[in-house]
Amino acid sequence: MSPYHFLRTFRAVVGLSPHQFVLRTRLHRAAMRLRASREPISAIAFDAGFNDLSTFNRRFRRVVGVSPSEYRQESSFPWRREPVITDLAT
């Protein structure tokens, strides 16, 4: 299969170019880690394969709509949730 044919077929099946697919997959994994951990954003960005924190921030904001720190603050963390109190007597 030629590279051009692969790109056309991939885009037809997935809806994104291979580069866009990889980028969104990496950003999705980073977003999951931002929600689930207290790790520094820079460590998450580097582990996701971004060599530059500013590039990660710019791409994250472009795809998700908010910066990584805003995303983390808006996410509901287990350690930030208010305890659920139920009245067991009723």
Protein backbone atom coordinates (compact mmCIF):
# COMPACT_ATOMS: atom_id res chain seq x y z
CA MET A 1 0.00 0.00 0.00
CA SER A 2 1.42 3.38 -0.92
CA PRO A 3 1.75 6.05 1.76
CA TYR A 4 -0.83 8.21 -0.02
CA HIS A 5 -3.33 5.36 -0.19
CA PHE A 6 -2.73 4.56 3.49
CA LEU A 7 -3.40 8.17 4.48
CA ARG A 8 -6.59 8.32 2.43
CA THR A 9 -7.84 4.99 3.79
CA PHE A 10 -6.94 5.87 7.39
CA ARG A 11 -8.74 9.21 7.16
CA ALA A 12 -11.80 7.56 5.60
CA VAL A 13 -12.02 4.93 8.36
CA VAL A 14 -10.99 6.93 11.43
CA GLY A 15 -12.00 10.43 10.37
CA LEU A 16 -8.61 11.92 11.26
CA SER A 17 -5.14 11.85 9.77
CA PRO A 18 -2.71 9.49 11.52
CA HIS A 19 -0.89 12.47 13.05
CA GLN A 20 -4.13 13.96 14.41
CA PHE A 21 -5.17 10.54 15.75
CA VAL A 22 -1.88 10.09 17.62
CA LEU A 23 -2.02 13.64 18.96
CA ARG A 24 -5.58 13.27 20.24
CA THR A 25 -4.79 9.89 21.78
CA ARG A 26 -1.83 11.37 23.65
CA LEU A 27 -3.93 14.33 24.81
CA HIS A 28 -6.73 12.00 25.94
CA ARG A 29 -4.31 9.95 28.04
CA ALA A 30 -2.85 13.14 29.51
CA ALA A 31 -6.37 14.37 30.37
CA MET A 32 -7.14 11.11 32.16
CA ARG A 33 -3.95 11.49 34.22
CA LEU A 34 -4.77 15.12 34.98
CA ARG A 35 -8.11 14.02 36.41
CA ALA A 36 -6.77 11.02 38.32
CA SER A 37 -3.50 12.21 39.85
CA ARG A 38 -1.71 15.07 41.53
CA GLU A 39 1.37 14.73 39.34
CA PRO A 40 2.85 17.95 37.99
CA ILE A 41 1.47 18.95 34.62
CA SER A 42 4.99 19.05 33.20
CA ALA A 43 5.59 15.40 34.13
CA ILE A 44 2.31 14.37 32.52
CA ALA A 45 3.15 16.34 29.38
CA PHE A 46 6.60 14.78 29.04
CA ASP A 47 5.26 11.28 29.71
CA ALA A 48 2.62 11.85 27.02
CA GLY A 49 5.40 12.45 24.51
CA PHE A 50 5.53 16.24 24.37
CA ASN A 51 9.06 17.63 24.48
CA ASP A 52 7.94 21.14 25.30
CA LEU A 53 5.46 22.18 27.97
CA SER A 54 4.26 25.21 26.03
CA THR A 55 3.45 23.02 23.02
CA PHE A 56 1.48 20.67 25.27
CA ASN A 57 -0.43 23.58 26.83
CA ARG A 58 -1.22 25.13 23.44
CA ARG A 59 -2.39 21.87 21.86
CA PHE A 60 -4.36 20.85 24.96
CA ARG A 61 -6.18 24.19 24.98
CA ARG A 62 -6.89 23.95 21.25
CA VAL A 63 -8.40 20.44 21.49
CA VAL A 64 -10.04 20.50 24.93
CA GLY A 65 -10.96 24.17 25.15
CA VAL A 66 -9.26 24.98 28.46
CA SER A 67 -5.70 24.89 29.73
CA PRO A 68 -4.46 21.76 31.52
CA SER A 69 -4.52 23.51 34.90
CA GLU A 70 -8.08 24.77 34.34
CA TYR A 71 -9.09 21.29 33.24
CA ARG A 72 -7.62 19.80 36.40
CA GLN A 73 -9.43 22.35 38.59
CA GLU A 74 -12.77 21.72 36.86
CA SER A 75 -12.46 17.94 37.11
CA SER A 76 -13.94 16.24 40.10
CA PHE A 77 -11.18 14.64 42.10
CA PRO A 78 -11.98 11.97 44.67
CA TRP A 79 -10.03 13.92 47.30
CA ARG A 80 -12.01 17.11 46.54
CA ARG A 81 -15.47 15.60 46.62
CA GLU A 82 -17.71 16.34 49.52
CA PRO A 83 -18.63 13.21 51.45
CA VAL A 84 -22.02 11.82 50.64
CA ILE A 85 -24.07 11.58 53.82
CA THR A 86 -27.09 9.37 53.74
CA ASP A 87 -29.53 8.92 56.55
CA LEU A 88 -29.53 5.19 57.20
CA ALA A 89 -32.26 5.47 59.83
CA THR A 90 -35.01 6.15 57.31
